[in-house]
mmCIF file of all heavy atoms, coordinates in Angstrom:
data_MODEL
# 
_entry.id   MODEL 
# 
loop_
_atom_site.group_PDB 
_atom_site.id 
_atom_site.type_symbol 
_atom_site.label_atom_id 
_atom_site.label_alt_id 
_atom_site.label_comp_id 
_atom_site.label_asym_id 
_atom_site.label_entity_id 
_atom_site.label_seq_id 
_atom_site.pdbx_PDB_ins_code 
_atom_site.Cartn_x 
_atom_site.Cartn_y 
_atom_site.Cartn_z 
_atom_site.occupancy 
_atom_site.B_iso_or_equiv 
_atom_site.pdbx_formal_charge 
_atom_site.auth_seq_id 
_atom_site.auth_comp_id 
_atom_site.auth_asym_id 
_atom_site.auth_atom_id 
_atom_site.pdbx_PDB_model_num 
ATOM 1   N N   . LYS A 1 1  ? 101.215 86.657 100.897 1.00 0.00 ? 1  LYS A N   1 
ATOM 2   C CA  . LYS A 1 1  ? 101.163 85.358 101.536 1.00 0.00 ? 1  LYS A CA  1 
ATOM 3   C C   . LYS A 1 1  ? 102.476 85.133 102.307 1.00 0.00 ? 1  LYS A C   1 
ATOM 4   O O   . LYS A 1 1  ? 103.238 84.177 101.989 1.00 0.00 ? 1  LYS A O   1 
ATOM 5   C CB  . LYS A 1 1  ? 100.990 84.262 100.325 1.00 0.00 ? 1  LYS A CB  1 
ATOM 6   C CG  . LYS A 1 1  ? 99.688  84.350 99.661  1.00 0.00 ? 1  LYS A CG  1 
ATOM 7   C CD  . LYS A 1 1  ? 99.502  83.235 98.759  1.00 0.00 ? 1  LYS A CD  1 
ATOM 8   C CE  . LYS A 1 1  ? 98.006  83.258 98.146  1.00 0.00 ? 1  LYS A CE  1 
ATOM 9   N NZ  . LYS A 1 1  ? 97.802  82.313 97.102  1.00 0.00 ? 1  LYS A NZ  1 
ATOM 10  N N   . TRP A 1 2  ? 102.679 86.049 103.211 1.00 0.00 ? 2  TRP A N   1 
ATOM 11  C CA  . TRP A 1 2  ? 104.105 86.200 103.868 1.00 0.00 ? 2  TRP A CA  1 
ATOM 12  C C   . TRP A 1 2  ? 104.442 84.880 104.602 1.00 0.00 ? 2  TRP A C   1 
ATOM 13  O O   . TRP A 1 2  ? 103.662 84.317 105.444 1.00 0.00 ? 2  TRP A O   1 
ATOM 14  C CB  . TRP A 1 2  ? 104.128 87.437 104.665 1.00 0.00 ? 2  TRP A CB  1 
ATOM 15  C CG  . TRP A 1 2  ? 105.546 87.564 105.261 1.00 0.00 ? 2  TRP A CG  1 
ATOM 16  C CD1 . TRP A 1 2  ? 105.859 87.468 106.494 1.00 0.00 ? 2  TRP A CD1 1 
ATOM 17  C CD2 . TRP A 1 2  ? 106.678 87.758 104.579 1.00 0.00 ? 2  TRP A CD2 1 
ATOM 18  N NE1 . TRP A 1 2  ? 107.150 87.716 106.743 1.00 0.00 ? 2  TRP A NE1 1 
ATOM 19  C CE2 . TRP A 1 2  ? 107.806 87.893 105.558 1.00 0.00 ? 2  TRP A CE2 1 
ATOM 20  C CE3 . TRP A 1 2  ? 106.926 87.920 103.201 1.00 0.00 ? 2  TRP A CE3 1 
ATOM 21  C CZ2 . TRP A 1 2  ? 109.061 88.028 105.064 1.00 0.00 ? 2  TRP A CZ2 1 
ATOM 22  C CZ3 . TRP A 1 2  ? 108.274 88.166 102.800 1.00 0.00 ? 2  TRP A CZ3 1 
ATOM 23  C CH2 . TRP A 1 2  ? 109.329 88.292 103.783 1.00 0.00 ? 2  TRP A CH2 1 
ATOM 24  N N   . VAL A 1 3  ? 105.731 84.463 104.289 1.00 0.00 ? 3  VAL A N   1 
ATOM 25  C CA  . VAL A 1 3  ? 106.282 83.383 105.158 1.00 0.00 ? 3  VAL A CA  1 
ATOM 26  C C   . VAL A 1 3  ? 107.567 83.987 105.664 1.00 0.00 ? 3  VAL A C   1 
ATOM 27  O O   . VAL A 1 3  ? 108.503 84.434 104.977 1.00 0.00 ? 3  VAL A O   1 
ATOM 28  C CB  . VAL A 1 3  ? 106.681 82.103 104.149 1.00 0.00 ? 3  VAL A CB  1 
ATOM 29  C CG1 . VAL A 1 3  ? 107.392 81.104 105.130 1.00 0.00 ? 3  VAL A CG1 1 
ATOM 30  C CG2 . VAL A 1 3  ? 105.461 81.539 103.554 1.00 0.00 ? 3  VAL A CG2 1 
ATOM 31  N N   . PRO A 1 4  ? 107.683 84.129 107.014 1.00 0.00 ? 4  PRO A N   1 
ATOM 32  C CA  . PRO A 1 4  ? 108.796 84.719 107.621 1.00 0.00 ? 4  PRO A CA  1 
ATOM 33  C C   . PRO A 1 4  ? 110.142 84.011 107.147 1.00 0.00 ? 4  PRO A C   1 
ATOM 34  O O   . PRO A 1 4  ? 110.183 82.857 106.998 1.00 0.00 ? 4  PRO A O   1 
ATOM 35  C CB  . PRO A 1 4  ? 108.621 84.599 109.123 1.00 0.00 ? 4  PRO A CB  1 
ATOM 36  C CG  . PRO A 1 4  ? 107.220 84.365 109.206 1.00 0.00 ? 4  PRO A CG  1 
ATOM 37  C CD  . PRO A 1 4  ? 106.737 83.739 107.967 1.00 0.00 ? 4  PRO A CD  1 
ATOM 38  N N   . VAL A 1 5  ? 111.129 84.962 106.895 1.00 0.00 ? 5  VAL A N   1 
ATOM 39  C CA  . VAL A 1 5  ? 112.437 84.370 106.509 1.00 0.00 ? 5  VAL A CA  1 
ATOM 40  C C   . VAL A 1 5  ? 113.328 84.158 107.767 1.00 0.00 ? 5  VAL A C   1 
ATOM 41  O O   . VAL A 1 5  ? 113.995 83.151 107.900 1.00 0.00 ? 5  VAL A O   1 
ATOM 42  C CB  . VAL A 1 5  ? 113.154 85.363 105.508 1.00 0.00 ? 5  VAL A CB  1 
ATOM 43  C CG1 . VAL A 1 5  ? 114.568 84.889 105.136 1.00 0.00 ? 5  VAL A CG1 1 
ATOM 44  C CG2 . VAL A 1 5  ? 112.242 85.531 104.252 1.00 0.00 ? 5  VAL A CG2 1 
ATOM 45  N N   . GLN A 1 6  ? 113.232 85.104 108.595 1.00 0.00 ? 6  GLN A N   1 
ATOM 46  C CA  . GLN A 1 6  ? 114.065 84.949 109.886 1.00 0.00 ? 6  GLN A CA  1 
ATOM 47  C C   . GLN A 1 6  ? 113.431 83.975 110.819 1.00 0.00 ? 6  GLN A C   1 
ATOM 48  O O   . GLN A 1 6  ? 112.306 83.983 111.082 1.00 0.00 ? 6  GLN A O   1 
ATOM 49  C CB  . GLN A 1 6  ? 114.066 86.406 110.591 1.00 0.00 ? 6  GLN A CB  1 
ATOM 50  C CG  . GLN A 1 6  ? 114.656 86.345 111.883 1.00 0.00 ? 6  GLN A CG  1 
ATOM 51  C CD  . GLN A 1 6  ? 116.137 86.150 111.782 1.00 0.00 ? 6  GLN A CD  1 
ATOM 52  O OE1 . GLN A 1 6  ? 116.839 86.817 110.994 1.00 0.00 ? 6  GLN A OE1 1 
ATOM 53  N NE2 . GLN A 1 6  ? 116.722 85.176 112.507 1.00 0.00 ? 6  GLN A NE2 1 
ATOM 54  N N   . VAL A 1 7  ? 114.260 83.034 111.250 1.00 0.00 ? 7  VAL A N   1 
ATOM 55  C CA  . VAL A 1 7  ? 113.798 82.084 112.193 1.00 0.00 ? 7  VAL A CA  1 
ATOM 56  C C   . VAL A 1 7  ? 113.884 82.713 113.508 1.00 0.00 ? 7  VAL A C   1 
ATOM 57  O O   . VAL A 1 7  ? 114.893 83.420 113.964 1.00 0.00 ? 7  VAL A O   1 
ATOM 58  C CB  . VAL A 1 7  ? 114.769 80.813 112.091 1.00 0.00 ? 7  VAL A CB  1 
ATOM 59  C CG1 . VAL A 1 7  ? 114.417 79.792 113.222 1.00 0.00 ? 7  VAL A CG1 1 
ATOM 60  C CG2 . VAL A 1 7  ? 114.718 80.170 110.813 1.00 0.00 ? 7  VAL A CG2 1 
ATOM 61  N N   . PRO A 1 8  ? 112.831 82.548 114.326 1.00 0.00 ? 8  PRO A N   1 
ATOM 62  C CA  . PRO A 1 8  ? 112.844 83.215 115.674 1.00 0.00 ? 8  PRO A CA  1 
ATOM 63  C C   . PRO A 1 8  ? 114.037 82.710 116.573 1.00 0.00 ? 8  PRO A C   1 
ATOM 64  O O   . PRO A 1 8  ? 114.462 81.604 116.443 1.00 0.00 ? 8  PRO A O   1 
ATOM 65  C CB  . PRO A 1 8  ? 111.591 82.709 116.300 1.00 0.00 ? 8  PRO A CB  1 
ATOM 66  C CG  . PRO A 1 8  ? 110.684 82.391 115.077 1.00 0.00 ? 8  PRO A CG  1 
ATOM 67  C CD  . PRO A 1 8  ? 111.621 81.872 114.158 1.00 0.00 ? 8  PRO A CD  1 
ATOM 68  N N   . TYR A 1 9  ? 114.474 83.618 117.408 1.00 0.00 ? 9  TYR A N   1 
ATOM 69  C CA  . TYR A 1 9  ? 115.653 83.360 118.305 1.00 0.00 ? 9  TYR A CA  1 
ATOM 70  C C   . TYR A 1 9  ? 115.234 82.379 119.490 1.00 0.00 ? 9  TYR A C   1 
ATOM 71  O O   . TYR A 1 9  ? 116.178 81.825 120.042 1.00 0.00 ? 9  TYR A O   1 
ATOM 72  C CB  . TYR A 1 9  ? 116.158 84.573 118.798 1.00 0.00 ? 9  TYR A CB  1 
ATOM 73  C CG  . TYR A 1 9  ? 116.941 85.465 117.820 1.00 0.00 ? 9  TYR A CG  1 
ATOM 74  C CD1 . TYR A 1 9  ? 117.003 85.099 116.498 1.00 0.00 ? 9  TYR A CD1 1 
ATOM 75  C CD2 . TYR A 1 9  ? 117.661 86.556 118.182 1.00 0.00 ? 9  TYR A CD2 1 
ATOM 76  C CE1 . TYR A 1 9  ? 117.713 85.840 115.555 1.00 0.00 ? 9  TYR A CE1 1 
ATOM 77  C CE2 . TYR A 1 9  ? 118.372 87.356 117.321 1.00 0.00 ? 9  TYR A CE2 1 
ATOM 78  C CZ  . TYR A 1 9  ? 118.422 86.961 115.947 1.00 0.00 ? 9  TYR A CZ  1 
ATOM 79  O OH  . TYR A 1 9  ? 119.086 87.706 115.068 1.00 0.00 ? 9  TYR A OH  1 
ATOM 80  N N   . THR A 1 10 ? 114.078 82.324 119.711 1.00 0.00 ? 10 THR A N   1 
ATOM 81  C CA  . THR A 1 10 ? 113.625 81.454 120.850 1.00 0.00 ? 10 THR A CA  1 
ATOM 82  C C   . THR A 1 10 ? 112.458 80.556 120.209 1.00 0.00 ? 10 THR A C   1 
ATOM 83  O O   . THR A 1 10 ? 111.712 80.869 119.328 1.00 0.00 ? 10 THR A O   1 
ATOM 84  C CB  . THR A 1 10 ? 113.006 82.154 122.040 1.00 0.00 ? 10 THR A CB  1 
ATOM 85  O OG1 . THR A 1 10 ? 111.854 82.974 121.636 1.00 0.00 ? 10 THR A OG1 1 
ATOM 86  C CG2 . THR A 1 10 ? 114.136 83.080 122.589 1.00 0.00 ? 10 THR A CG2 1 
ATOM 87  N N   . LYS A 1 11 ? 112.401 79.361 120.814 1.00 0.00 ? 11 LYS A N   1 
ATOM 88  C CA  . LYS A 1 11 ? 111.343 78.312 120.378 1.00 0.00 ? 11 LYS A CA  1 
ATOM 89  C C   . LYS A 1 11 ? 109.998 78.946 120.603 1.00 0.00 ? 11 LYS A C   1 
ATOM 90  O O   . LYS A 1 11 ? 109.673 79.293 121.679 1.00 0.00 ? 11 LYS A O   1 
ATOM 91  C CB  . LYS A 1 11 ? 111.569 77.079 121.080 1.00 0.00 ? 11 LYS A CB  1 
ATOM 92  C CG  . LYS A 1 11 ? 110.616 75.909 120.500 1.00 0.00 ? 11 LYS A CG  1 
ATOM 93  C CD  . LYS A 1 11 ? 110.951 74.645 121.136 1.00 0.00 ? 11 LYS A CD  1 
ATOM 94  C CE  . LYS A 1 11 ? 110.028 73.538 120.627 1.00 0.00 ? 11 LYS A CE  1 
ATOM 95  N NZ  . LYS A 1 11 ? 110.238 72.215 121.251 1.00 0.00 ? 11 LYS A NZ  1 
ATOM 96  N N   . GLN A 1 12 ? 109.176 78.920 119.588 1.00 0.00 ? 12 GLN A N   1 
ATOM 97  C CA  . GLN A 1 12 ? 107.889 79.568 119.677 1.00 0.00 ? 12 GLN A CA  1 
ATOM 98  C C   . GLN A 1 12 ? 106.854 78.392 120.049 1.00 0.00 ? 12 GLN A C   1 
ATOM 99  O O   . GLN A 1 12 ? 106.903 77.292 119.498 1.00 0.00 ? 12 GLN A O   1 
ATOM 100 C CB  . GLN A 1 12 ? 107.464 80.127 118.351 1.00 0.00 ? 12 GLN A CB  1 
ATOM 101 C CG  . GLN A 1 12 ? 108.341 81.209 117.829 1.00 0.00 ? 12 GLN A CG  1 
ATOM 102 C CD  . GLN A 1 12 ? 108.244 82.451 118.814 1.00 0.00 ? 12 GLN A CD  1 
ATOM 103 O OE1 . GLN A 1 12 ? 107.146 83.075 118.817 1.00 0.00 ? 12 GLN A OE1 1 
ATOM 104 N NE2 . GLN A 1 12 ? 109.426 82.775 119.415 1.00 0.00 ? 12 GLN A NE2 1 
ATOM 105 N N   . PRO A 1 13 ? 105.952 78.648 120.975 1.00 0.00 ? 13 PRO A N   1 
ATOM 106 C CA  . PRO A 1 13 ? 105.053 77.694 121.344 1.00 0.00 ? 13 PRO A CA  1 
ATOM 107 C C   . PRO A 1 13 ? 104.050 77.485 120.178 1.00 0.00 ? 13 PRO A C   1 
ATOM 108 O O   . PRO A 1 13 ? 103.831 78.334 119.359 1.00 0.00 ? 13 PRO A O   1 
ATOM 109 C CB  . PRO A 1 13 ? 104.204 78.401 122.544 1.00 0.00 ? 13 PRO A CB  1 
ATOM 110 C CG  . PRO A 1 13 ? 105.153 79.456 123.091 1.00 0.00 ? 13 PRO A CG  1 
ATOM 111 C CD  . PRO A 1 13 ? 105.884 79.977 121.782 1.00 0.00 ? 13 PRO A CD  1 
ATOM 112 N N   . ALA A 1 14 ? 103.541 76.219 120.129 1.00 0.00 ? 14 ALA A N   1 
ATOM 113 C CA  . ALA A 1 14 ? 102.568 75.968 118.989 1.00 0.00 ? 14 ALA A CA  1 
ATOM 114 C C   . ALA A 1 14 ? 101.362 76.778 119.163 1.00 0.00 ? 14 ALA A C   1 
ATOM 115 O O   . ALA A 1 14 ? 100.702 77.069 120.296 1.00 0.00 ? 14 ALA A O   1 
ATOM 116 C CB  . ALA A 1 14 ? 102.182 74.419 119.135 1.00 0.00 ? 14 ALA A CB  1 
ATOM 117 N N   . LEU A 1 15 ? 100.886 77.359 118.007 1.00 0.00 ? 15 LEU A N   1 
ATOM 118 C CA  . LEU A 1 15 ? 99.825  78.224 117.971 1.00 0.00 ? 15 LEU A CA  1 
ATOM 119 C C   . LEU A 1 15 ? 98.402  77.385 118.179 1.00 0.00 ? 15 LEU A C   1 
ATOM 120 O O   . LEU A 1 15 ? 98.278  76.274 117.521 1.00 0.00 ? 15 LEU A O   1 
ATOM 121 C CB  . LEU A 1 15 ? 99.633  78.965 116.688 1.00 0.00 ? 15 LEU A CB  1 
ATOM 122 C CG  . LEU A 1 15 ? 100.655 80.087 116.572 1.00 0.00 ? 15 LEU A CG  1 
ATOM 123 C CD1 . LEU A 1 15 ? 100.641 80.664 115.115 1.00 0.00 ? 15 LEU A CD1 1 
ATOM 124 C CD2 . LEU A 1 15 ? 100.374 81.313 117.551 1.00 0.00 ? 15 LEU A CD2 1 
ATOM 125 N N   . GLY A 1 16 ? 97.526  77.924 118.977 1.00 0.00 ? 16 GLY A N   1 
ATOM 126 C CA  . GLY A 1 16 ? 96.227  77.313 119.027 1.00 0.00 ? 16 GLY A CA  1 
ATOM 127 C C   . GLY A 1 16 ? 95.322  77.786 117.889 1.00 0.00 ? 16 GLY A C   1 
ATOM 128 O O   . GLY A 1 16 ? 95.749  78.727 117.146 1.00 0.00 ? 16 GLY A O   1 
ATOM 129 N N   . SER A 1 17 ? 94.268  77.217 117.687 1.00 0.00 ? 17 SER A N   1 
ATOM 130 C CA  . SER A 1 17 ? 93.337  77.618 116.560 1.00 0.00 ? 17 SER A CA  1 
ATOM 131 C C   . SER A 1 17 ? 92.275  78.480 117.031 1.00 0.00 ? 17 SER A C   1 
ATOM 132 O O   . SER A 1 17 ? 91.582  78.121 118.057 1.00 0.00 ? 17 SER A O   1 
ATOM 133 C CB  . SER A 1 17 ? 92.767  76.312 115.887 1.00 0.00 ? 17 SER A CB  1 
ATOM 134 O OG  . SER A 1 17 ? 91.798  76.750 114.890 1.00 0.00 ? 17 SER A OG  1 
ATOM 135 N N   . ALA A 1 18 ? 92.003  79.498 116.428 1.00 0.00 ? 18 ALA A N   1 
ATOM 136 C CA  . ALA A 1 18 ? 90.945  80.422 116.948 1.00 0.00 ? 18 ALA A CA  1 
ATOM 137 C C   . ALA A 1 18 ? 89.758  80.541 115.885 1.00 0.00 ? 18 ALA A C   1 
ATOM 138 O O   . ALA A 1 18 ? 89.040  81.440 115.867 1.00 0.00 ? 18 ALA A O   1 
ATOM 139 C CB  . ALA A 1 18 ? 91.558  81.844 117.083 1.00 0.00 ? 18 ALA A CB  1 
ATOM 140 N N   . GLY A 1 19 ? 89.669  79.475 115.097 1.00 0.00 ? 19 GLY A N   1 
ATOM 141 C CA  . GLY A 1 19 ? 88.541  79.504 114.217 1.00 0.00 ? 19 GLY A CA  1 
ATOM 142 C C   . GLY A 1 19 ? 88.794  80.369 112.943 1.00 0.00 ? 19 GLY A C   1 
ATOM 143 O O   . GLY A 1 19 ? 90.015  80.450 112.461 1.00 0.00 ? 19 GLY A O   1 
ATOM 144 N N   . THR A 1 20 ? 87.823  80.910 112.474 1.00 0.00 ? 20 THR A N   1 
ATOM 145 C CA  . THR A 1 20 ? 87.940  81.684 111.177 1.00 0.00 ? 20 THR A CA  1 
ATOM 146 C C   . THR A 1 20 ? 87.788  83.298 111.363 1.00 0.00 ? 20 THR A C   1 
ATOM 147 O O   . THR A 1 20 ? 86.784  83.567 112.105 1.00 0.00 ? 20 THR A O   1 
ATOM 148 C CB  . THR A 1 20 ? 86.913  81.103 110.132 1.00 0.00 ? 20 THR A CB  1 
ATOM 149 O OG1 . THR A 1 20 ? 87.145  79.744 109.957 1.00 0.00 ? 20 THR A OG1 1 
ATOM 150 C CG2 . THR A 1 20 ? 87.054  81.969 108.820 1.00 0.00 ? 20 THR A CG2 1 
ATOM 151 N N   . LEU A 1 21 ? 88.647  83.959 110.746 1.00 0.00 ? 21 LEU A N   1 
ATOM 152 C CA  . LEU A 1 21 ? 88.371  85.431 110.880 1.00 0.00 ? 21 LEU A CA  1 
ATOM 153 C C   . LEU A 1 21 ? 87.717  85.877 109.515 1.00 0.00 ? 21 LEU A C   1 
ATOM 154 O O   . LEU A 1 21 ? 88.260  85.736 108.492 1.00 0.00 ? 21 LEU A O   1 
ATOM 155 C CB  . LEU A 1 21 ? 89.920  86.057 110.999 1.00 0.00 ? 21 LEU A CB  1 
ATOM 156 C CG  . LEU A 1 21 ? 89.772  87.641 111.199 1.00 0.00 ? 21 LEU A CG  1 
ATOM 157 C CD1 . LEU A 1 21 ? 89.275  87.818 112.695 1.00 0.00 ? 21 LEU A CD1 1 
ATOM 158 C CD2 . LEU A 1 21 ? 91.147  88.198 111.102 1.00 0.00 ? 21 LEU A CD2 1 
ATOM 159 N N   . LYS A 1 22 ? 86.591  86.401 109.796 1.00 0.00 ? 22 LYS A N   1 
ATOM 160 C CA  . LYS A 1 22 ? 85.710  86.692 108.568 1.00 0.00 ? 22 LYS A CA  1 
ATOM 161 C C   . LYS A 1 22 ? 85.908  88.142 108.134 1.00 0.00 ? 22 LYS A C   1 
ATOM 162 O O   . LYS A 1 22 ? 85.642  88.502 106.950 1.00 0.00 ? 22 LYS A O   1 
ATOM 163 C CB  . LYS A 1 22 ? 84.223  86.461 108.872 1.00 0.00 ? 22 LYS A CB  1 
ATOM 164 C CG  . LYS A 1 22 ? 83.905  84.985 109.179 1.00 0.00 ? 22 LYS A CG  1 
ATOM 165 C CD  . LYS A 1 22 ? 82.515  84.742 109.429 1.00 0.00 ? 22 LYS A CD  1 
ATOM 166 C CE  . LYS A 1 22 ? 82.258  83.279 109.689 1.00 0.00 ? 22 LYS A CE  1 
ATOM 167 N NZ  . LYS A 1 22 ? 80.697  82.832 109.956 1.00 0.00 ? 22 LYS A NZ  1 
ATOM 168 N N   . SER A 1 23 ? 86.224  89.036 109.117 1.00 0.00 ? 23 SER A N   1 
ATOM 169 C CA  . SER A 1 23 ? 86.299  90.498 108.586 1.00 0.00 ? 23 SER A CA  1 
ATOM 170 C C   . SER A 1 23 ? 87.078  91.291 109.634 1.00 0.00 ? 23 SER A C   1 
ATOM 171 O O   . SER A 1 23 ? 87.365  90.902 110.757 1.00 0.00 ? 23 SER A O   1 
ATOM 172 C CB  . SER A 1 23 ? 84.795  91.068 108.596 1.00 0.00 ? 23 SER A CB  1 
ATOM 173 O OG  . SER A 1 23 ? 84.282  91.120 109.980 1.00 0.00 ? 23 SER A OG  1 
ATOM 174 N N   . LEU A 1 24 ? 87.529  92.496 109.234 1.00 0.00 ? 24 LEU A N   1 
ATOM 175 C CA  . LEU A 1 24 ? 88.091  93.499 109.915 1.00 0.00 ? 24 LEU A CA  1 
ATOM 176 C C   . LEU A 1 24 ? 87.238  94.799 109.829 1.00 0.00 ? 24 LEU A C   1 
ATOM 177 O O   . LEU A 1 24 ? 87.060  95.369 108.812 1.00 0.00 ? 24 LEU A O   1 
ATOM 178 C CB  . LEU A 1 24 ? 89.627  93.824 109.598 1.00 0.00 ? 24 LEU A CB  1 
ATOM 179 C CG  . LEU A 1 24 ? 90.157  95.098 110.235 1.00 0.00 ? 24 LEU A CG  1 
ATOM 180 C CD1 . LEU A 1 24 ? 90.372  94.883 111.736 1.00 0.00 ? 24 LEU A CD1 1 
ATOM 181 C CD2 . LEU A 1 24 ? 91.550  95.326 109.454 1.00 0.00 ? 24 LEU A CD2 1 
# 
């Protein structure tokens, strides 16, 4: 359940939603 520790060096655009990933 990874939460990045390093804060990005540049401001990251807000992520859009792509629905649900059901499988690989």
